[in-house]
Amino acid sequence: MSLAQQPADTEPSSRAHGAAVRVLLVEDEAMVALNLEALVEELGHTVVGIAATRAQALDLARHQPPQVAVVDVNLLDGRTGLQIADELAAAFGTIVVIATGNPEGIACGGAITTVVRKPYADAALLDAVRQAAGAALDQVHQAKASVQQVSGGA
């Protein structure tokens, strides 16, 4: 599977909070991954890559840390999606949307903001990505406010 490195359409009206976020897609089914890529780009966000394994996901994240990730649970290297979600959140503060055909026992909380059952309606995934992008942008704004408080700047 090739990496998706093309810049997304950046029309402001399609973005959460008027700003684009970097999104990593972790999906081992090529057709599903390409559909995900199109949906994310439709929102005006930048897809930093598509990974089919834990190693690929972490390698892509090290090169371009994602603010949001859409992660399947069962990948080419096994049931590694939840581990990937935890690692992305811990290392990069990534907000994670889980998209899986087996959502039983997966709870929102911590790194995971939303669980979307596959096969999903495009609208459900778009809503989940919008919500995650909003949370990621809120993190950025909170971090900037904290820095300004500490430095005494405006």
C-alpha atoms as a PDB file:
ATOM      1  CA  MET A   1       0.000   0.000   0.000  1.00  0.00           C
ATOM      2  CA  SER A   2       1.415   3.393  -0.893  1.00  0.00           C
ATOM      3  CA  LEU A   3       1.689   6.298   1.497  1.00  0.00           C
ATOM      4  CA  ALA A   4      -0.719   9.172   1.046  1.00  0.00           C
ATOM      5  CA  GLN A   5       1.434  12.282   1.032  1.00  0.00           C
ATOM      6  CA  GLN A   6      -0.643  14.561  -1.164  1.00  0.00           C
ATOM      7  CA  PRO A   7      -1.801  17.843   0.391  1.00  0.00           C
ATOM      8  CA  ALA A   8      -5.506  18.032   1.064  1.00  0.00           C
ATOM      9  CA  ASP A   9      -7.939  20.631  -0.204  1.00  0.00           C
ATOM     10  CA  THR A  10      -7.701  23.458   2.299  1.00  0.00           C
ATOM     11  CA  GLU A  11     -11.057  25.169   1.878  1.00  0.00           C
ATOM     12  CA  PRO A  12     -11.747  26.699   5.317  1.00  0.00           C
ATOM     13  CA  SER A  13     -15.475  25.973   5.329  1.00  0.00           C
ATOM     14  CA  SER A  14     -14.818  22.242   5.345  1.00  0.00           C
ATOM     15  CA  ARG A  15     -12.540  22.214   8.404  1.00  0.00           C
ATOM     16  CA  ALA A  16     -13.321  21.857  12.075  1.00  0.00           C
ATOM     17  CA  HIS A  17     -12.697  25.187  13.834  1.00  0.00           C
ATOM     18  CA  GLY A  18     -11.495  26.635  10.497  1.00  0.00           C
ATOM     19  CA  ALA A  19      -8.100  24.870  10.631  1.00  0.00           C
ATOM     20  CA  ALA A  20      -6.717  21.695   9.123  1.00  0.00           C
ATOM     21  CA  VAL A  21      -5.212  18.919  11.217  1.00  0.00           C
ATOM     22  CA  ARG A  22      -2.744  16.152  10.342  1.00  0.00           C
ATOM     23  CA  VAL A  23      -4.476  12.751  10.175  1.00  0.00           C
ATOM     24  CA  LEU A  24      -2.869   9.297  10.145  1.00  0.00           C
ATOM     25  CA  LEU A  25      -4.935   6.427   8.726  1.00  0.00           C
ATOM     26  CA  VAL A  26      -4.224   2.961  10.116  1.00  0.00           C
ATOM     27  CA  GLU A  27      -6.134   0.485   7.956  1.00  0.00           C
ATOM     28  CA  ASP A  28      -4.970  -2.683   6.194  1.00  0.00           C
ATOM     29  CA  GLU A  29      -7.759  -2.932   3.597  1.00  0.00           C
ATOM     30  CA  ALA A  30      -6.688  -0.846   0.596  1.00  0.00           C
ATOM     31  CA  MET A  31     -10.160   0.114  -0.639  1.00  0.00           C
ATOM     32  CA  VAL A  32     -11.295   1.113   2.846  1.00  0.00           C
ATOM     33  CA  ALA A  33      -8.102   3.140   3.338  1.00  0.00           C
ATOM     34  CA  LEU A  34      -8.576   4.998   0.052  1.00  0.00           C
ATOM     35  CA  ASN A  35     -12.186   5.806   0.963  1.00  0.00           C
ATOM     36  CA  LEU A  36     -11.027   7.054   4.385  1.00  0.00           C
ATOM     37  CA  GLU A  37      -8.402   9.215   2.728  1.00  0.00           C
ATOM     38  CA  ALA A  38     -10.996  10.805   0.428  1.00  0.00           C
ATOM     39  CA  LEU A  39     -13.364  11.479   3.347  1.00  0.00           C
ATOM     40  CA  VAL A  40     -10.668  13.068   5.507  1.00  0.00           C
ATOM     41  CA  GLU A  41      -9.446  15.225   2.642  1.00  0.00           C
ATOM     42  CA  GLU A  42     -13.066  16.226   1.918  1.00  0.00           C
ATOM     43  CA  LEU A  43     -13.043  17.843   5.364  1.00  0.00           C
ATOM     44  CA  GLY A  44      -9.908  19.793   4.397  1.00  0.00           C
ATOM     45  CA  HIS A  45      -7.480  17.883   6.597  1.00  0.00           C
ATOM     46  CA  THR A  46      -4.067  16.555   5.577  1.00  0.00           C
ATOM     47  CA  VAL A  47      -3.546  12.805   5.460  1.00  0.00           C
ATOM     48  CA  VAL A  48       0.044  12.211   6.601  1.00  0.00           C
ATOM     49  CA  GLY A  49       0.016   8.572   5.573  1.00  0.00           C
ATOM     50  CA  ILE A  50      -1.683   5.208   5.467  1.00  0.00           C
ATOM     51  CA  ALA A  51      -0.321   2.355   7.581  1.00  0.00           C
ATOM     52  CA  ALA A  52      -1.326  -1.307   7.598  1.00  0.00           C
ATOM     53  CA  THR A  53       0.772  -2.367  10.627  1.00  0.00           C
ATOM     54  CA  ARG A  54       1.891  -1.036  14.012  1.00  0.00           C
ATOM     55  CA  ALA A  55       5.473  -0.541  12.771  1.00  0.00           C
ATOM     56  CA  GLN A  56       4.317   1.456   9.733  1.00  0.00           C
ATOM     57  CA  ALA A  57       1.996   3.603  11.865  1.00  0.00           C
ATOM     58  CA  LEU A  58       4.697   4.493  14.386  1.00  0.00           C
ATOM     59  CA  ASP A  59       7.262   5.168  11.658  1.00  0.00           C
ATOM     60  CA  LEU A  60       4.886   7.552   9.859  1.00  0.00           C
ATOM     61  CA  ALA A  61       4.008   9.243  13.160  1.00  0.00           C
ATOM     62  CA  ARG A  62       7.675   9.851  14.011  1.00  0.00           C
ATOM     63  CA  HIS A  63       8.157  11.654  10.686  1.00  0.00           C
ATOM     64  CA  GLN A  64       4.904  13.645  10.761  1.00  0.00           C
ATOM     65  CA  PRO A  65       3.210  13.494  14.160  1.00  0.00           C
ATOM     66  CA  PRO A  66      -0.541  13.197  13.629  1.00  0.00           C
ATOM     67  CA  GLN A  67      -3.008  15.253  15.596  1.00  0.00           C
ATOM     68  CA  VAL A  68      -5.748  12.736  14.768  1.00  0.00           C
ATOM     69  CA  ALA A  69      -5.612   9.062  13.790  1.00  0.00           C
ATOM     70  CA  VAL A  70      -8.323   6.800  12.418  1.00  0.00           C
ATOM     71  CA  VAL A  71      -7.319   3.300  13.498  1.00  0.00           C
ATOM     72  CA  ASP A  72      -8.711  -0.149  12.729  1.00  0.00           C
ATOM     73  CA  VAL A  73      -8.213  -2.718  15.478  1.00  0.00           C
ATOM     74  CA  ASN A  74      -7.365  -5.800  13.398  1.00  0.00           C
ATOM     75  CA  LEU A  75      -4.432  -5.119  11.085  1.00  0.00           C
ATOM     76  CA  LEU A  76      -1.929  -7.117   9.031  1.00  0.00           C
ATOM     77  CA  ASP A  77       0.158  -7.735  12.161  1.00  0.00           C
ATOM     78  CA  GLY A  78      -2.785  -8.810  14.323  1.00  0.00           C
ATOM     79  CA  ARG A  79      -5.049  -7.048  16.807  1.00  0.00           C
ATOM     80  CA  THR A  80      -2.632  -4.129  17.316  1.00  0.00           C
ATOM     81  CA  GLY A  81      -4.935  -1.148  16.771  1.00  0.00           C
ATOM     82  CA  LEU A  82      -5.619  -0.436  20.449  1.00  0.00           C
ATOM     83  CA  GLN A  83      -1.894  -0.589  21.250  1.00  0.00           C
ATOM     84  CA  ILE A  84      -1.251   1.832  18.385  1.00  0.00           C
ATOM     85  CA  ALA A  85      -3.924   4.185  19.749  1.00  0.00           C
ATOM     86  CA  ASP A  86      -2.283   4.196  23.178  1.00  0.00           C
ATOM     87  CA  GLU A  87       1.201   4.718  21.752  1.00  0.00           C
ATOM     88  CA  LEU A  88       0.142   7.573  19.463  1.00  0.00           C
ATOM     89  CA  ALA A  89      -1.651   9.308  22.331  1.00  0.00           C
ATOM     90  CA  ALA A  90       1.276   8.893  24.731  1.00  0.00           C
ATOM     91  CA  ALA A  91       4.014   9.944  22.304  1.00  0.00           C
ATOM     92  CA  PHE A  92       2.260  12.633  20.260  1.00  0.00           C
ATOM     93  CA  GLY A  93      -0.977  13.570  22.031  1.00  0.00           C
ATOM     94  CA  THR A  94      -2.908  12.122  19.089  1.00  0.00           C
ATOM     95  CA  ILE A  95      -6.706  11.995  19.300  1.00  0.00           C
ATOM     96  CA  VAL A  96      -7.888   8.581  18.051  1.00  0.00           C
ATOM     97  CA  VAL A  97     -11.021   7.406  16.267  1.00  0.00           C
ATOM     98  CA  ILE A  98     -11.369   3.621  16.195  1.00  0.00           C
ATOM     99  CA  ALA A  99     -13.086   2.266  13.054  1.00  0.00           C
ATOM    100  CA  THR A 100     -13.610  -1.477  13.401  1.00  0.00           C
ATOM    101  CA  GLY A 101     -15.962  -4.297  12.582  1.00  0.00           C
ATOM    102  CA  ASN A 102     -15.494  -5.623  16.121  1.00  0.00           C
ATOM    103  CA  PRO A 103     -16.248  -2.761  18.534  1.00  0.00           C
ATOM    104  CA  GLU A 104     -17.321  -5.015  21.415  1.00  0.00           C
ATOM    105  CA  GLY A 105     -15.361  -4.239  24.555  1.00  0.00           C
ATOM    106  CA  ILE A 106     -13.781  -1.064  23.169  1.00  0.00           C
ATOM    107  CA  ALA A 107     -14.608   1.941  25.304  1.00  0.00           C
ATOM    108  CA  CYS A 108     -14.095   5.605  24.619  1.00  0.00           C
ATOM    109  CA  GLY A 109     -11.739   7.351  26.969  1.00  0.00           C
ATOM    110  CA  GLY A 110      -8.072   8.148  27.156  1.00  0.00           C
ATOM    111  CA  ALA A 111      -6.737   8.187  23.614  1.00  0.00           C
ATOM    112  CA  ILE A 112      -9.995   7.037  22.019  1.00  0.00           C
ATOM    113  CA  THR A 113     -12.662   9.685  21.424  1.00  0.00           C
ATOM    114  CA  THR A 114     -15.036   7.675  19.232  1.00  0.00           C
ATOM    115  CA  VAL A 115     -15.622   4.104  18.110  1.00  0.00           C
ATOM    116  CA  VAL A 116     -17.259   3.717  14.687  1.00  0.00           C
ATOM    117  CA  ARG A 117     -18.587   0.301  13.639  1.00  0.00           C
ATOM    118  CA  LYS A 118     -17.592  -0.979  10.186  1.00  0.00           C
ATOM    119  CA  PRO A 119     -19.107  -1.015   7.719  1.00  0.00           C
ATOM    120  CA  TYR A 120     -19.790   2.598   8.582  1.00  0.00           C
ATOM    121  CA  ALA A 121     -21.849   5.257   6.893  1.00  0.00           C
ATOM    122  CA  ASP A 122     -19.577   7.979   5.524  1.00  0.00           C
ATOM    123  CA  ALA A 123     -21.518  10.554   7.555  1.00  0.00           C
ATOM    124  CA  ALA A 124     -20.735   8.695  10.803  1.00  0.00           C
ATOM    125  CA  LEU A 125     -17.018   8.667  10.053  1.00  0.00           C
ATOM    126  CA  LEU A 126     -17.048  12.315   8.968  1.00  0.00           C
ATOM    127  CA  ASP A 127     -18.722  13.279  12.252  1.00  0.00           C
ATOM    128  CA  ALA A 128     -16.162  11.278  14.244  1.00  0.00           C
ATOM    129  CA  VAL A 129     -13.236  12.915  12.424  1.00  0.00           C
ATOM    130  CA  ARG A 130     -14.781  16.381  12.860  1.00  0.00           C
ATOM    131  CA  GLN A 131     -15.137  15.742  16.597  1.00  0.00           C
ATOM    132  CA  ALA A 132     -11.566  14.437  16.902  1.00  0.00           C
ATOM    133  CA  ALA A 133     -10.183  17.368  14.880  1.00  0.00           C
ATOM    134  CA  GLY A 134     -12.021  19.793  17.152  1.00  0.00           C
ATOM    135  CA  ALA A 135     -10.537  18.087  20.221  1.00  0.00           C
ATOM    136  CA  ALA A 136      -7.046  18.193  18.669  1.00  0.00           C
ATOM    137  CA  LEU A 137      -7.370  21.892  17.898  1.00  0.00           C
ATOM    138  CA  ASP A 138      -8.637  22.539  21.434  1.00  0.00           C
ATOM    139  CA  GLN A 139      -5.440  20.868  22.725  1.00  0.00           C
ATOM    140  CA  VAL A 140      -3.346  23.208  20.571  1.00  0.00           C
ATOM    141  CA  HIS A 141      -5.211  26.284  21.824  1.00  0.00           C
ATOM    142  CA  GLN A 142      -4.881  25.158  25.451  1.00  0.00           C
ATOM    143  CA  ALA A 143      -1.156  24.561  25.023  1.00  0.00           C
ATOM    144  CA  LYS A 144      -0.682  28.018  23.506  1.00  0.00           C
ATOM    145  CA  ALA A 145      -2.639  29.605  26.335  1.00  0.00           C
ATOM    146  CA  SER A 146      -0.496  27.772  28.909  1.00  0.00           C
ATOM    147  CA  VAL A 147       2.707  28.953  27.236  1.00  0.00           C
ATOM    148  CA  GLN A 148       1.436  32.508  27.197  1.00  0.00           C
ATOM    149  CA  GLN A 149       0.536  32.302  30.883  1.00  0.00           C
ATOM    150  CA  VAL A 150       3.946  30.937  31.838  1.00  0.00           C
ATOM    151  CA  SER A 151       5.828  33.464  29.718  1.00  0.00           C
ATOM    152  CA  GLY A 152       3.546  36.335  30.744  1.00  0.00           C
ATOM    153  CA  GLY A 153       2.950  37.143  27.070  1.00  0.00           C
ATOM    154  CA  ALA A 154      -0.251  38.139  25.387  1.00  0.00           C
END
